[in-house]
N, C-alpha and C. Protein backbone atom coordinates (compact mmCIF):
# COMPACT_ATOMS: atom_id res chain seq x y z
N MET A 1 -4.72 -8.40 4.07
CA MET A 1 -3.72 -8.93 3.16
C MET A 1 -2.33 -8.46 3.59
N SER A 2 -1.41 -9.35 3.60
CA SER A 2 -0.03 -9.06 3.98
C SER A 2 0.69 -8.34 2.84
N THR A 3 1.58 -7.43 3.19
CA THR A 3 2.36 -6.70 2.20
C THR A 3 3.84 -6.79 2.55
N LEU A 4 4.67 -6.27 1.67
CA LEU A 4 6.10 -6.20 1.97
C LEU A 4 6.35 -5.48 3.28
N TYR A 5 5.50 -4.49 3.57
CA TYR A 5 5.66 -3.70 4.80
C TYR A 5 5.48 -4.54 6.07
N ASP A 6 4.80 -5.68 5.96
CA ASP A 6 4.48 -6.48 7.14
C ASP A 6 5.51 -7.57 7.45
N ILE A 7 6.43 -7.84 6.55
CA ILE A 7 7.39 -8.93 6.74
C ILE A 7 8.36 -8.58 7.86
N PRO A 8 8.46 -9.43 8.88
CA PRO A 8 9.37 -9.15 9.99
C PRO A 8 10.83 -9.18 9.53
N LEU A 9 11.56 -8.16 9.93
CA LEU A 9 12.99 -8.03 9.63
C LEU A 9 13.72 -7.74 10.93
N ARG A 10 15.03 -7.69 10.86
CA ARG A 10 15.85 -7.23 11.97
C ARG A 10 16.95 -6.36 11.39
N THR A 11 17.26 -5.29 12.10
CA THR A 11 18.39 -4.46 11.70
C THR A 11 19.67 -5.22 11.99
N LEU A 12 20.78 -4.71 11.49
CA LEU A 12 22.06 -5.39 11.68
C LEU A 12 22.38 -5.61 13.16
N ASP A 13 21.91 -4.71 14.02
CA ASP A 13 22.17 -4.87 15.46
C ASP A 13 21.12 -5.74 16.15
N GLY A 14 20.19 -6.33 15.38
CA GLY A 14 19.21 -7.25 15.94
C GLY A 14 17.88 -6.65 16.35
N THR A 15 17.71 -5.35 16.16
CA THR A 15 16.46 -4.69 16.52
C THR A 15 15.35 -5.10 15.54
N PRO A 16 14.18 -5.49 16.06
CA PRO A 16 13.07 -5.82 15.16
C PRO A 16 12.70 -4.62 14.27
N ALA A 17 12.37 -4.91 13.02
CA ALA A 17 12.05 -3.87 12.05
C ALA A 17 11.12 -4.45 10.99
N THR A 18 10.61 -3.58 10.15
CA THR A 18 9.88 -3.97 8.94
C THR A 18 10.16 -2.92 7.87
N LEU A 19 9.83 -3.23 6.64
CA LEU A 19 9.92 -2.20 5.60
C LEU A 19 8.91 -1.09 5.90
N GLY A 20 7.86 -1.42 6.66
CA GLY A 20 6.87 -0.42 7.06
C GLY A 20 7.48 0.72 7.85
N ASP A 21 8.64 0.48 8.46
CA ASP A 21 9.35 1.56 9.17
C ASP A 21 9.76 2.66 8.20
N HIS A 22 9.80 2.33 6.91
CA HIS A 22 10.21 3.29 5.88
C HIS A 22 9.03 3.67 4.98
N ARG A 23 7.82 3.39 5.45
CA ARG A 23 6.61 3.70 4.68
C ARG A 23 6.65 5.15 4.20
N GLY A 24 6.27 5.36 2.96
CA GLY A 24 6.28 6.71 2.40
C GLY A 24 7.59 7.08 1.72
N LYS A 25 8.58 6.19 1.78
CA LYS A 25 9.86 6.42 1.10
C LYS A 25 10.03 5.39 -0.01
N ALA A 26 10.71 5.78 -1.06
CA ALA A 26 11.15 4.82 -2.05
C ALA A 26 12.39 4.12 -1.47
N LEU A 27 12.48 2.82 -1.68
CA LEU A 27 13.58 2.03 -1.12
C LEU A 27 14.32 1.30 -2.23
N LEU A 28 15.63 1.24 -2.12
CA LEU A 28 16.42 0.38 -2.99
C LEU A 28 16.99 -0.71 -2.09
N VAL A 29 16.40 -1.91 -2.18
CA VAL A 29 16.80 -3.04 -1.35
C VAL A 29 17.88 -3.81 -2.11
N VAL A 30 19.04 -3.98 -1.47
CA VAL A 30 20.20 -4.56 -2.14
C VAL A 30 20.84 -5.62 -1.25
N ASN A 31 21.06 -6.84 -1.78
CA ASN A 31 21.83 -7.82 -1.02
C ASN A 31 23.31 -7.50 -1.22
N VAL A 32 24.00 -7.28 -0.12
CA VAL A 32 25.37 -6.77 -0.14
C VAL A 32 26.35 -7.79 0.43
N ALA A 33 27.64 -7.60 0.11
CA ALA A 33 28.71 -8.45 0.61
C ALA A 33 30.00 -7.64 0.66
N SER A 34 30.81 -7.93 1.65
CA SER A 34 32.03 -7.15 1.90
C SER A 34 33.26 -7.63 1.13
N LYS A 35 33.23 -8.85 0.62
CA LYS A 35 34.42 -9.41 -0.01
C LYS A 35 34.15 -9.87 -1.45
N CYS A 36 33.37 -9.09 -2.15
CA CYS A 36 32.94 -9.41 -3.51
C CYS A 36 33.60 -8.45 -4.50
N GLY A 37 33.78 -8.89 -5.73
CA GLY A 37 34.29 -7.99 -6.75
C GLY A 37 33.37 -6.80 -6.98
N LEU A 38 32.10 -6.94 -6.61
CA LEU A 38 31.14 -5.84 -6.78
C LEU A 38 31.04 -4.95 -5.53
N THR A 39 31.78 -5.27 -4.48
CA THR A 39 31.70 -4.50 -3.23
C THR A 39 31.89 -2.99 -3.45
N PRO A 40 32.72 -2.55 -4.41
CA PRO A 40 32.82 -1.10 -4.63
C PRO A 40 31.49 -0.44 -5.00
N GLN A 41 30.46 -1.21 -5.31
CA GLN A 41 29.14 -0.61 -5.56
C GLN A 41 28.62 0.10 -4.31
N TYR A 42 29.18 -0.22 -3.14
CA TYR A 42 28.79 0.52 -1.93
C TYR A 42 28.98 2.02 -2.14
N GLU A 43 30.01 2.41 -2.88
CA GLU A 43 30.26 3.84 -3.13
C GLU A 43 29.08 4.48 -3.85
N GLY A 44 28.61 3.84 -4.92
CA GLY A 44 27.47 4.37 -5.67
C GLY A 44 26.19 4.34 -4.85
N LEU A 45 26.01 3.29 -4.06
CA LEU A 45 24.82 3.20 -3.21
C LEU A 45 24.81 4.34 -2.20
N GLU A 46 25.96 4.64 -1.62
CA GLU A 46 26.04 5.73 -0.64
C GLU A 46 25.80 7.08 -1.32
N ARG A 47 26.30 7.24 -2.55
CA ARG A 47 26.04 8.50 -3.26
C ARG A 47 24.54 8.65 -3.55
N LEU A 48 23.87 7.55 -3.91
CA LEU A 48 22.41 7.61 -4.12
C LEU A 48 21.73 8.01 -2.82
N GLN A 49 22.17 7.42 -1.71
CA GLN A 49 21.58 7.74 -0.40
C GLN A 49 21.70 9.24 -0.12
N LYS A 50 22.87 9.78 -0.32
CA LYS A 50 23.10 11.21 -0.04
C LYS A 50 22.32 12.09 -1.02
N ARG A 51 22.28 11.70 -2.29
CA ARG A 51 21.63 12.51 -3.31
C ARG A 51 20.12 12.59 -3.13
N TYR A 52 19.49 11.48 -2.72
CA TYR A 52 18.03 11.41 -2.73
C TYR A 52 17.36 11.32 -1.36
N ALA A 53 18.12 11.22 -0.29
CA ALA A 53 17.52 11.01 1.04
C ALA A 53 16.50 12.10 1.39
N ASP A 54 16.80 13.34 1.06
CA ASP A 54 15.88 14.43 1.43
C ASP A 54 14.65 14.49 0.54
N ARG A 55 14.56 13.60 -0.45
CA ARG A 55 13.37 13.53 -1.31
C ARG A 55 12.56 12.27 -1.04
N GLY A 56 12.81 11.61 0.10
CA GLY A 56 12.02 10.44 0.46
C GLY A 56 12.56 9.14 -0.10
N PHE A 57 13.85 8.90 0.07
CA PHE A 57 14.49 7.70 -0.47
C PHE A 57 15.49 7.16 0.54
N THR A 58 15.63 5.84 0.56
CA THR A 58 16.75 5.24 1.29
C THR A 58 17.16 3.94 0.62
N VAL A 59 18.46 3.68 0.70
CA VAL A 59 19.00 2.37 0.35
C VAL A 59 18.84 1.51 1.59
N LEU A 60 18.59 0.23 1.40
CA LEU A 60 18.49 -0.72 2.50
C LEU A 60 19.36 -1.91 2.14
N GLY A 61 20.47 -2.09 2.86
CA GLY A 61 21.40 -3.17 2.57
C GLY A 61 21.06 -4.43 3.35
N VAL A 62 21.13 -5.57 2.67
CA VAL A 62 20.87 -6.87 3.30
C VAL A 62 22.11 -7.74 3.09
N PRO A 63 22.99 -7.81 4.09
CA PRO A 63 24.17 -8.67 3.94
C PRO A 63 23.77 -10.12 3.69
N CYS A 64 24.52 -10.77 2.80
CA CYS A 64 24.23 -12.16 2.44
C CYS A 64 25.55 -12.88 2.19
N ASN A 65 25.67 -14.08 2.73
CA ASN A 65 26.89 -14.88 2.61
C ASN A 65 26.71 -16.07 1.67
N GLN A 66 25.67 -16.06 0.84
CA GLN A 66 25.37 -17.22 0.00
C GLN A 66 26.17 -17.31 -1.29
N PHE A 67 26.84 -16.26 -1.68
CA PHE A 67 27.56 -16.27 -2.95
C PHE A 67 29.06 -16.27 -2.68
N GLY A 68 29.65 -17.43 -2.76
CA GLY A 68 31.09 -17.55 -2.57
C GLY A 68 31.56 -17.23 -1.16
N GLY A 69 30.67 -17.26 -0.16
CA GLY A 69 31.07 -16.96 1.21
C GLY A 69 31.67 -15.57 1.34
N GLN A 70 31.13 -14.60 0.58
CA GLN A 70 31.74 -13.27 0.50
C GLN A 70 31.25 -12.28 1.54
N GLU A 71 30.43 -12.75 2.49
CA GLU A 71 30.01 -11.91 3.63
C GLU A 71 30.11 -12.76 4.90
N PRO A 72 31.35 -13.15 5.28
CA PRO A 72 31.53 -14.07 6.41
C PRO A 72 31.47 -13.41 7.78
N GLY A 73 31.54 -12.12 7.85
CA GLY A 73 31.71 -11.42 9.13
C GLY A 73 30.50 -11.44 10.04
N THR A 74 30.77 -11.05 11.28
CA THR A 74 29.70 -10.84 12.26
C THR A 74 29.01 -9.52 11.94
N ALA A 75 27.90 -9.28 12.60
CA ALA A 75 27.18 -8.02 12.41
C ALA A 75 28.10 -6.83 12.70
N GLU A 76 28.86 -6.92 13.78
CA GLU A 76 29.77 -5.82 14.14
C GLU A 76 30.85 -5.62 13.08
N GLU A 77 31.41 -6.72 12.57
CA GLU A 77 32.44 -6.62 11.53
C GLU A 77 31.86 -6.01 10.25
N ILE A 78 30.66 -6.41 9.90
CA ILE A 78 30.02 -5.86 8.70
C ILE A 78 29.80 -4.36 8.87
N GLN A 79 29.25 -3.95 10.01
CA GLN A 79 28.99 -2.53 10.27
C GLN A 79 30.28 -1.72 10.22
N THR A 80 31.32 -2.22 10.86
CA THR A 80 32.60 -1.51 10.88
C THR A 80 33.17 -1.39 9.48
N PHE A 81 33.15 -2.49 8.72
CA PHE A 81 33.65 -2.46 7.35
C PHE A 81 32.90 -1.43 6.51
N CYS A 82 31.58 -1.48 6.57
CA CYS A 82 30.76 -0.59 5.73
C CYS A 82 30.97 0.87 6.09
N SER A 83 31.03 1.17 7.38
CA SER A 83 31.16 2.57 7.78
C SER A 83 32.57 3.09 7.58
N THR A 84 33.59 2.29 7.89
CA THR A 84 34.96 2.81 7.77
C THR A 84 35.49 2.77 6.34
N THR A 85 35.12 1.75 5.56
CA THR A 85 35.64 1.61 4.21
C THR A 85 34.86 2.45 3.21
N TYR A 86 33.53 2.49 3.35
CA TYR A 86 32.69 3.15 2.36
C TYR A 86 31.83 4.28 2.92
N GLY A 87 31.94 4.57 4.20
CA GLY A 87 31.15 5.65 4.79
C GLY A 87 29.65 5.42 4.71
N VAL A 88 29.24 4.17 4.74
CA VAL A 88 27.82 3.82 4.58
C VAL A 88 26.99 4.45 5.70
N SER A 89 25.98 5.20 5.30
CA SER A 89 25.07 5.82 6.26
C SER A 89 23.66 5.23 6.16
N PHE A 90 23.40 4.44 5.12
CA PHE A 90 22.06 3.86 4.97
C PHE A 90 21.91 2.65 5.88
N PRO A 91 20.67 2.29 6.19
CA PRO A 91 20.42 1.17 7.11
C PRO A 91 20.87 -0.18 6.53
N LEU A 92 21.37 -1.02 7.41
CA LEU A 92 21.73 -2.39 7.07
C LEU A 92 20.87 -3.32 7.91
N LEU A 93 20.38 -4.36 7.27
CA LEU A 93 19.59 -5.36 7.97
C LEU A 93 20.48 -6.53 8.38
N GLU A 94 19.91 -7.42 9.16
CA GLU A 94 20.59 -8.62 9.59
C GLU A 94 20.94 -9.48 8.37
N LYS A 95 22.07 -10.19 8.46
CA LYS A 95 22.48 -11.09 7.39
C LYS A 95 21.34 -12.08 7.12
N ALA A 96 21.08 -12.34 5.83
CA ALA A 96 19.96 -13.21 5.46
C ALA A 96 20.29 -14.03 4.22
N ASP A 97 19.62 -15.17 4.09
CA ASP A 97 19.68 -15.96 2.86
C ASP A 97 18.68 -15.37 1.89
N VAL A 98 19.09 -15.24 0.63
CA VAL A 98 18.22 -14.68 -0.40
C VAL A 98 17.70 -15.75 -1.36
N ASN A 99 18.27 -16.94 -1.28
CA ASN A 99 17.86 -18.08 -2.11
C ASN A 99 17.79 -19.33 -1.24
N GLY A 100 17.18 -20.38 -1.78
CA GLY A 100 17.21 -21.69 -1.13
C GLY A 100 16.15 -21.89 -0.07
N ALA A 101 16.30 -23.01 0.63
CA ALA A 101 15.30 -23.44 1.61
C ALA A 101 15.12 -22.46 2.76
N ASN A 102 16.18 -21.72 3.09
CA ASN A 102 16.10 -20.76 4.20
C ASN A 102 15.99 -19.32 3.71
N ARG A 103 15.52 -19.15 2.49
CA ARG A 103 15.36 -17.81 1.91
C ARG A 103 14.49 -16.96 2.84
N HIS A 104 14.96 -15.75 3.11
CA HIS A 104 14.18 -14.84 3.96
C HIS A 104 12.86 -14.53 3.27
N PRO A 105 11.76 -14.41 4.03
CA PRO A 105 10.45 -14.12 3.44
C PRO A 105 10.45 -12.85 2.55
N LEU A 106 11.26 -11.85 2.90
CA LEU A 106 11.35 -10.66 2.05
C LEU A 106 11.83 -11.05 0.66
N TYR A 107 12.85 -11.90 0.61
CA TYR A 107 13.40 -12.30 -0.69
C TYR A 107 12.51 -13.32 -1.40
N ALA A 108 11.68 -14.03 -0.66
CA ALA A 108 10.70 -14.90 -1.32
C ALA A 108 9.76 -14.04 -2.16
N GLU A 109 9.41 -12.87 -1.65
CA GLU A 109 8.55 -11.94 -2.40
C GLU A 109 9.33 -11.23 -3.51
N LEU A 110 10.52 -10.74 -3.20
CA LEU A 110 11.30 -9.99 -4.19
C LEU A 110 11.66 -10.86 -5.39
N ALA A 111 11.99 -12.13 -5.15
CA ALA A 111 12.42 -13.02 -6.23
C ALA A 111 11.31 -13.25 -7.27
N ARG A 112 10.07 -12.96 -6.91
CA ARG A 112 8.95 -13.12 -7.85
C ARG A 112 8.91 -12.00 -8.89
N VAL A 113 9.63 -10.93 -8.63
CA VAL A 113 9.58 -9.75 -9.50
C VAL A 113 10.53 -9.92 -10.68
N PRO A 114 10.04 -9.72 -11.91
CA PRO A 114 10.92 -9.84 -13.07
C PRO A 114 11.80 -8.60 -13.27
N ASP A 115 12.94 -8.83 -13.91
CA ASP A 115 13.82 -7.72 -14.28
C ASP A 115 13.33 -7.13 -15.61
N ALA A 116 14.10 -6.22 -16.18
CA ALA A 116 13.69 -5.53 -17.41
C ALA A 116 13.50 -6.49 -18.58
N SER A 117 14.19 -7.64 -18.56
CA SER A 117 14.04 -8.60 -19.65
C SER A 117 12.94 -9.62 -19.37
N GLY A 118 12.22 -9.44 -18.25
CA GLY A 118 11.09 -10.30 -17.94
C GLY A 118 11.42 -11.53 -17.13
N GLU A 119 12.67 -11.64 -16.65
CA GLU A 119 13.08 -12.81 -15.90
C GLU A 119 12.96 -12.58 -14.39
N ALA A 120 12.23 -13.46 -13.74
CA ALA A 120 12.11 -13.46 -12.28
C ALA A 120 12.93 -14.63 -11.75
N GLY A 121 12.78 -14.94 -10.47
CA GLY A 121 13.46 -16.10 -9.91
C GLY A 121 14.60 -15.74 -8.99
N ASP A 122 15.44 -16.74 -8.74
CA ASP A 122 16.52 -16.59 -7.76
C ASP A 122 17.38 -15.35 -7.98
N ILE A 123 17.90 -14.88 -6.86
CA ILE A 123 18.88 -13.79 -6.88
C ILE A 123 20.14 -14.39 -7.50
N THR A 124 20.75 -13.69 -8.45
CA THR A 124 21.86 -14.26 -9.20
C THR A 124 23.23 -14.06 -8.56
N TRP A 125 23.40 -13.01 -7.75
CA TRP A 125 24.70 -12.73 -7.12
C TRP A 125 24.51 -11.58 -6.14
N ASN A 126 25.60 -11.21 -5.50
CA ASN A 126 25.58 -10.05 -4.61
C ASN A 126 25.23 -8.78 -5.39
N PHE A 127 24.63 -7.84 -4.71
CA PHE A 127 24.31 -6.51 -5.24
C PHE A 127 23.19 -6.51 -6.29
N GLU A 128 22.25 -7.45 -6.16
CA GLU A 128 21.02 -7.38 -6.96
C GLU A 128 20.13 -6.34 -6.27
N LYS A 129 19.48 -5.50 -7.06
CA LYS A 129 18.76 -4.33 -6.52
C LYS A 129 17.28 -4.39 -6.86
N PHE A 130 16.45 -4.03 -5.86
CA PHE A 130 15.00 -3.98 -6.04
C PHE A 130 14.54 -2.60 -5.60
N LEU A 131 13.83 -1.91 -6.48
CA LEU A 131 13.28 -0.60 -6.15
C LEU A 131 11.83 -0.78 -5.70
N VAL A 132 11.57 -0.32 -4.48
CA VAL A 132 10.24 -0.40 -3.88
C VAL A 132 9.67 1.01 -3.82
N SER A 133 8.45 1.19 -4.30
CA SER A 133 7.82 2.51 -4.30
C SER A 133 7.46 2.94 -2.88
N ALA A 134 7.11 4.20 -2.73
CA ALA A 134 6.69 4.74 -1.43
C ALA A 134 5.41 4.07 -0.94
N GLU A 135 4.71 3.39 -1.83
CA GLU A 135 3.48 2.67 -1.47
C GLU A 135 3.74 1.20 -1.16
N GLY A 136 5.00 0.77 -1.24
CA GLY A 136 5.35 -0.60 -0.89
C GLY A 136 5.28 -1.61 -2.02
N GLU A 137 5.24 -1.13 -3.27
CA GLU A 137 5.20 -2.03 -4.43
C GLU A 137 6.59 -2.10 -5.06
N VAL A 138 7.00 -3.31 -5.44
CA VAL A 138 8.28 -3.45 -6.14
C VAL A 138 8.07 -3.00 -7.58
N VAL A 139 8.80 -1.98 -7.99
CA VAL A 139 8.59 -1.39 -9.31
C VAL A 139 9.73 -1.67 -10.29
N ALA A 140 10.88 -2.16 -9.80
CA ALA A 140 11.98 -2.46 -10.71
C ALA A 140 12.96 -3.41 -10.04
N ARG A 141 13.62 -4.20 -10.89
CA ARG A 141 14.66 -5.13 -10.44
C ARG A 141 15.87 -4.92 -11.33
N PHE A 142 17.01 -4.77 -10.71
CA PHE A 142 18.26 -4.55 -11.44
C PHE A 142 19.26 -5.62 -11.05
N ARG A 143 19.83 -6.28 -12.02
CA ARG A 143 20.77 -7.37 -11.78
C ARG A 143 22.09 -6.83 -11.21
N PRO A 144 22.91 -7.71 -10.63
CA PRO A 144 24.11 -7.28 -9.92
C PRO A 144 25.08 -6.42 -10.74
N GLY A 145 25.22 -6.71 -12.02
CA GLY A 145 26.17 -5.96 -12.85
C GLY A 145 25.73 -4.53 -13.15
N THR A 146 24.49 -4.19 -12.84
CA THR A 146 24.00 -2.83 -13.08
C THR A 146 24.50 -1.93 -11.95
N GLU A 147 25.29 -0.96 -12.32
CA GLU A 147 25.85 -0.03 -11.32
C GLU A 147 24.73 0.77 -10.66
N PRO A 148 24.88 1.07 -9.38
CA PRO A 148 23.84 1.82 -8.67
C PRO A 148 23.48 3.16 -9.33
N GLU A 149 24.45 3.80 -9.94
CA GLU A 149 24.19 5.11 -10.54
C GLU A 149 23.95 5.05 -12.05
N ALA A 150 23.69 3.85 -12.57
CA ALA A 150 23.36 3.71 -13.99
C ALA A 150 22.08 4.49 -14.28
N ALA A 151 21.97 4.97 -15.50
CA ALA A 151 20.82 5.81 -15.89
C ALA A 151 19.49 5.12 -15.63
N GLU A 152 19.42 3.80 -15.88
CA GLU A 152 18.15 3.11 -15.67
C GLU A 152 17.77 3.05 -14.20
N VAL A 153 18.77 2.99 -13.33
CA VAL A 153 18.50 2.96 -11.89
C VAL A 153 18.09 4.36 -11.40
N THR A 154 18.90 5.36 -11.72
CA THR A 154 18.57 6.71 -11.24
C THR A 154 17.26 7.21 -11.83
N GLY A 155 16.99 6.86 -13.09
CA GLY A 155 15.72 7.26 -13.70
C GLY A 155 14.54 6.63 -12.98
N ALA A 156 14.66 5.34 -12.65
CA ALA A 156 13.58 4.65 -11.93
C ALA A 156 13.41 5.24 -10.53
N ILE A 157 14.52 5.53 -9.86
CA ILE A 157 14.44 6.14 -8.52
C ILE A 157 13.74 7.49 -8.61
N GLU A 158 14.20 8.33 -9.52
CA GLU A 158 13.63 9.69 -9.62
C GLU A 158 12.13 9.66 -9.93
N ALA A 159 11.69 8.65 -10.68
CA ALA A 159 10.26 8.52 -10.99
C ALA A 159 9.44 8.22 -9.73
N GLN A 160 10.10 7.72 -8.68
CA GLN A 160 9.39 7.35 -7.45
C GLN A 160 9.50 8.41 -6.35
N LEU A 161 10.28 9.45 -6.57
CA LEU A 161 10.55 10.42 -5.50
C LEU A 161 9.55 11.55 -5.43
N ARG A 162 9.46 12.10 -4.22
CA ARG A 162 8.69 13.32 -4.03
C ARG A 162 9.39 14.44 -4.77
N ARG A 163 8.64 15.33 -5.30
CA ARG A 163 9.22 16.44 -6.08
C ARG A 163 9.78 17.51 -5.20
């Protein structure tokens, strides 16, 4: 049986990858954009990365240009922006579609997961967050307006971490 860990991905620099490369870690998978009103969420995402990395956690950013064309850059431009503007140290994947006919297979699976109000379906905007357990199960979905360091996010992350 195929799992989230088996879905082929590529890092921002084009290197083949899978979520299985992070097996045993809790992951916060986030579709990101450089020119969005929510782009400052990179700060909170990076703080989560620094706070929890040594307990088996990583943020995984997935650049997406589907919402208002807010991630128009090349892979190099995205990497430079993220590292110089926000000091991003967490991994970034290749730009991907999260909705529609060309939806990446990862997001085809993630979109099936309901949020706290029980709603599943299309990604609504940039910075929608999915928490994946160390065993590869999606355990929570947080809509774009939920700040990375909101109590419901940090509580869910901490519940998935090694002690």
